[in-house]
């Protein structure tokens, strides 16, 4: 059963990564990269590496996504002026 979940998570990561590369809107790409990071957290937990999962959740999914979103909104704010 666990093998099927790992395969499903890997497939979800591949689909989200391809979507992030092919997305027309930058916001969609940022959200897709965040999904890739969150699914990798599940894979790290499945591999019994909770310390790496916590680090990936806080840095990869949290901090990097926040920095991408802040920079994206600052760029759009500069274009409207």
N, C-alpha and C. Protein backbone atom coordinates (compact mmCIF):
# COMPACT_ATOMS: atom_id res chain seq x y z
N UNK A 1 0.82 -1.20 0.00
CA UNK A 1 0.00 0.00 0.00
C UNK A 1 0.86 1.25 0.00
N UNK A 2 1.93 1.24 0.81
CA UNK A 2 2.78 2.42 0.90
C UNK A 2 3.51 2.68 -0.42
N UNK A 3 3.84 1.59 -1.14
CA UNK A 3 4.52 1.76 -2.42
C UNK A 3 3.63 2.50 -3.42
N UNK A 4 2.34 2.22 -3.39
CA UNK A 4 1.42 2.91 -4.29
C UNK A 4 1.32 4.39 -3.97
N UNK A 5 1.34 4.72 -2.69
CA UNK A 5 1.31 6.13 -2.30
C UNK A 5 2.58 6.86 -2.71
N UNK A 6 3.71 6.18 -2.61
CA UNK A 6 4.97 6.79 -3.02
C UNK A 6 4.99 7.01 -4.53
N UNK A 7 4.50 6.04 -5.27
CA UNK A 7 4.43 6.19 -6.73
C UNK A 7 3.47 7.30 -7.11
N UNK A 8 2.34 7.39 -6.42
CA UNK A 8 1.38 8.46 -6.68
C UNK A 8 1.98 9.83 -6.36
N UNK A 9 2.70 9.92 -5.26
CA UNK A 9 3.34 11.19 -4.90
C UNK A 9 4.41 11.57 -5.92
N UNK A 10 5.17 10.60 -6.38
CA UNK A 10 6.17 10.88 -7.41
C UNK A 10 5.53 11.36 -8.70
N UNK A 11 4.42 10.73 -9.08
CA UNK A 11 3.71 11.16 -10.29
C UNK A 11 3.15 12.57 -10.12
N UNK A 12 2.64 12.87 -8.91
CA UNK A 12 2.13 14.22 -8.65
C UNK A 12 3.25 15.25 -8.75
N UNK A 13 4.45 14.89 -8.26
CA UNK A 13 5.58 15.81 -8.35
C UNK A 13 5.96 16.07 -9.80
N UNK A 14 5.96 15.03 -10.61
CA UNK A 14 6.31 15.19 -12.03
C UNK A 14 5.28 16.07 -12.73
N UNK A 15 4.01 15.82 -12.48
CA UNK A 15 2.95 16.62 -13.12
C UNK A 15 3.05 18.08 -12.68
N UNK A 16 3.24 18.32 -11.39
CA UNK A 16 3.34 19.69 -10.90
C UNK A 16 4.58 20.39 -11.45
N UNK A 17 5.69 19.67 -11.57
CA UNK A 17 6.91 20.27 -12.11
C UNK A 17 6.76 20.64 -13.58
N UNK A 18 6.14 19.76 -14.34
CA UNK A 18 5.90 20.07 -15.76
C UNK A 18 4.94 21.25 -15.88
N UNK A 19 3.91 21.28 -15.04
CA UNK A 19 2.98 22.41 -15.06
C UNK A 19 3.69 23.71 -14.70
N UNK A 20 4.62 23.66 -13.74
CA UNK A 20 5.34 24.86 -13.34
C UNK A 20 6.20 25.38 -14.49
N UNK A 21 6.78 24.48 -15.25
CA UNK A 21 7.62 24.91 -16.37
C UNK A 21 6.76 25.46 -17.51
N UNK A 22 5.63 24.85 -17.76
CA UNK A 22 4.79 25.21 -18.90
C UNK A 22 3.73 26.27 -18.59
N UNK A 23 3.63 26.72 -17.35
CA UNK A 23 2.57 27.66 -16.97
C UNK A 23 2.76 29.01 -17.66
N UNK A 24 1.67 29.59 -18.08
CA UNK A 24 1.70 30.90 -18.73
C UNK A 24 1.83 32.03 -17.71
N UNK A 25 1.19 31.86 -16.56
CA UNK A 25 1.24 32.88 -15.51
C UNK A 25 2.30 32.51 -14.48
N UNK A 26 3.03 33.50 -14.03
CA UNK A 26 4.10 33.25 -13.06
C UNK A 26 3.51 32.79 -11.72
N UNK A 27 2.37 33.33 -11.33
CA UNK A 27 1.75 32.93 -10.07
C UNK A 27 1.40 31.43 -10.08
N UNK A 28 0.92 30.94 -11.21
CA UNK A 28 0.62 29.51 -11.31
C UNK A 28 1.88 28.67 -11.17
N UNK A 29 2.98 29.14 -11.74
CA UNK A 29 4.25 28.42 -11.63
C UNK A 29 4.75 28.40 -10.19
N UNK A 30 4.59 29.51 -9.48
CA UNK A 30 5.03 29.56 -8.07
C UNK A 30 4.20 28.61 -7.23
N UNK A 31 2.91 28.57 -7.46
CA UNK A 31 2.05 27.65 -6.70
C UNK A 31 2.39 26.20 -7.03
N UNK A 32 2.67 25.91 -8.28
CA UNK A 32 3.04 24.54 -8.66
C UNK A 32 4.37 24.13 -8.02
N UNK A 33 5.31 25.03 -7.93
CA UNK A 33 6.58 24.71 -7.28
C UNK A 33 6.38 24.49 -5.78
N UNK A 34 5.45 25.20 -5.20
CA UNK A 34 5.13 24.98 -3.80
C UNK A 34 4.50 23.60 -3.60
N UNK A 35 3.68 23.17 -4.54
CA UNK A 35 3.09 21.84 -4.47
C UNK A 35 4.17 20.77 -4.57
N UNK A 36 5.14 20.97 -5.45
CA UNK A 36 6.26 20.03 -5.57
C UNK A 36 6.99 19.92 -4.24
N UNK A 37 7.21 21.03 -3.60
CA UNK A 37 7.91 21.02 -2.32
C UNK A 37 7.09 20.32 -1.24
N UNK A 38 5.80 20.57 -1.21
CA UNK A 38 4.94 19.93 -0.21
C UNK A 38 4.84 18.42 -0.42
N UNK A 39 4.79 17.99 -1.66
CA UNK A 39 4.74 16.55 -1.92
C UNK A 39 6.07 15.90 -1.55
N UNK A 40 7.17 16.63 -1.76
CA UNK A 40 8.47 16.07 -1.36
C UNK A 40 8.55 15.91 0.15
N UNK A 41 7.84 16.75 0.90
CA UNK A 41 7.78 16.58 2.36
C UNK A 41 7.15 15.23 2.69
N UNK A 42 6.08 14.88 2.01
CA UNK A 42 5.45 13.57 2.22
C UNK A 42 6.42 12.44 1.91
N UNK A 43 7.19 12.59 0.83
CA UNK A 43 8.14 11.54 0.47
C UNK A 43 9.25 11.41 1.52
N UNK A 44 9.70 12.53 2.06
CA UNK A 44 10.73 12.46 3.11
C UNK A 44 10.19 11.77 4.36
N UNK A 45 8.93 12.02 4.68
CA UNK A 45 8.32 11.34 5.83
C UNK A 45 8.20 9.85 5.54
N UNK A 46 7.84 9.49 4.31
CA UNK A 46 7.74 8.07 3.95
C UNK A 46 9.10 7.39 4.01
N UNK A 47 10.17 8.14 3.76
CA UNK A 47 11.53 7.57 3.83
C UNK A 47 12.10 7.61 5.24
N UNK A 48 11.25 8.00 6.21
CA UNK A 48 11.63 8.06 7.62
C UNK A 48 12.77 9.06 7.86
N UNK A 49 12.63 10.23 7.25
CA UNK A 49 13.58 11.32 7.47
C UNK A 49 12.81 12.56 7.93
N UNK A 50 12.29 12.54 9.17
CA UNK A 50 11.45 13.66 9.61
C UNK A 50 12.20 14.98 9.73
N UNK A 51 13.49 14.94 10.03
CA UNK A 51 14.25 16.18 10.14
C UNK A 51 14.37 16.87 8.79
N UNK A 52 14.59 16.09 7.74
CA UNK A 52 14.66 16.66 6.39
C UNK A 52 13.28 17.15 5.96
N UNK A 53 12.23 16.43 6.35
CA UNK A 53 10.87 16.84 6.00
C UNK A 53 10.51 18.17 6.65
N UNK A 54 10.89 18.33 7.91
CA UNK A 54 10.59 19.59 8.60
C UNK A 54 11.34 20.74 7.95
N UNK A 55 12.61 20.51 7.61
CA UNK A 55 13.40 21.55 6.95
C UNK A 55 12.81 21.91 5.60
N UNK A 56 12.43 20.91 4.83
CA UNK A 56 11.84 21.17 3.51
C UNK A 56 10.50 21.89 3.64
N UNK A 57 9.72 21.54 4.63
CA UNK A 57 8.43 22.20 4.82
C UNK A 57 8.61 23.67 5.19
N UNK A 58 9.57 23.94 6.07
CA UNK A 58 9.74 25.32 6.52
C UNK A 58 10.46 26.17 5.48
N UNK A 59 11.51 25.65 4.90
CA UNK A 59 12.29 26.44 3.95
C UNK A 59 11.73 26.34 2.54
N UNK A 60 11.57 25.12 2.05
CA UNK A 60 11.14 24.93 0.66
C UNK A 60 9.73 25.39 0.40
N UNK A 61 8.80 24.93 1.20
CA UNK A 61 7.41 25.27 0.97
C UNK A 61 7.01 26.60 1.58
N UNK A 62 7.64 26.96 2.69
CA UNK A 62 7.24 28.18 3.38
C UNK A 62 8.00 29.41 2.94
N UNK A 63 9.28 29.44 3.24
CA UNK A 63 10.08 30.64 3.02
C UNK A 63 10.27 30.97 1.54
N UNK A 64 10.62 29.97 0.75
CA UNK A 64 10.87 30.22 -0.67
C UNK A 64 9.59 30.67 -1.38
N UNK A 65 8.48 30.04 -1.06
CA UNK A 65 7.20 30.45 -1.66
C UNK A 65 6.85 31.87 -1.26
N UNK A 66 7.08 32.22 -0.01
CA UNK A 66 6.79 33.58 0.45
C UNK A 66 7.67 34.59 -0.26
N UNK A 67 8.94 34.28 -0.43
CA UNK A 67 9.86 35.20 -1.13
C UNK A 67 9.45 35.35 -2.58
N UNK A 68 9.08 34.24 -3.24
CA UNK A 68 8.62 34.32 -4.62
C UNK A 68 7.37 35.18 -4.74
N UNK A 69 6.41 34.99 -3.84
CA UNK A 69 5.16 35.76 -3.92
C UNK A 69 5.38 37.24 -3.64
N UNK A 70 6.21 37.55 -2.65
CA UNK A 70 6.48 38.96 -2.34
C UNK A 70 7.17 39.63 -3.52
N UNK A 71 8.16 38.96 -4.09
CA UNK A 71 8.86 39.55 -5.23
C UNK A 71 7.94 39.68 -6.45
N UNK A 72 7.06 38.72 -6.63
CA UNK A 72 6.12 38.79 -7.74
C UNK A 72 5.17 39.97 -7.60
N UNK A 73 4.63 40.17 -6.39
CA UNK A 73 3.72 41.29 -6.18
C UNK A 73 4.44 42.63 -6.23
N UNK A 74 5.69 42.68 -5.82
CA UNK A 74 6.45 43.92 -5.94
C UNK A 74 6.75 44.24 -7.40
N UNK A 75 7.00 43.24 -8.21
CA UNK A 75 7.24 43.47 -9.64
C UNK A 75 5.97 43.97 -10.30
N UNK A 76 4.84 43.39 -9.96
CA UNK A 76 3.59 43.84 -10.58
C UNK A 76 3.22 45.24 -10.10
N UNK A 77 3.53 45.58 -8.87
CA UNK A 77 3.27 46.92 -8.36
C UNK A 77 4.11 47.97 -9.09
N UNK A 78 5.32 47.60 -9.49
CA UNK A 78 6.18 48.53 -10.22
C UNK A 78 5.72 48.75 -11.64
N UNK A 79 5.06 47.75 -12.24
CA UNK A 79 4.59 47.88 -13.62
C UNK A 79 3.38 48.80 -13.72
N UNK A 80 2.56 48.86 -12.67
CA UNK A 80 1.32 49.64 -12.75
C UNK A 80 1.55 51.13 -12.58
N UNK A 81 2.68 51.55 -12.06
CA UNK A 81 2.89 52.98 -11.80
C UNK A 81 3.29 53.73 -13.02
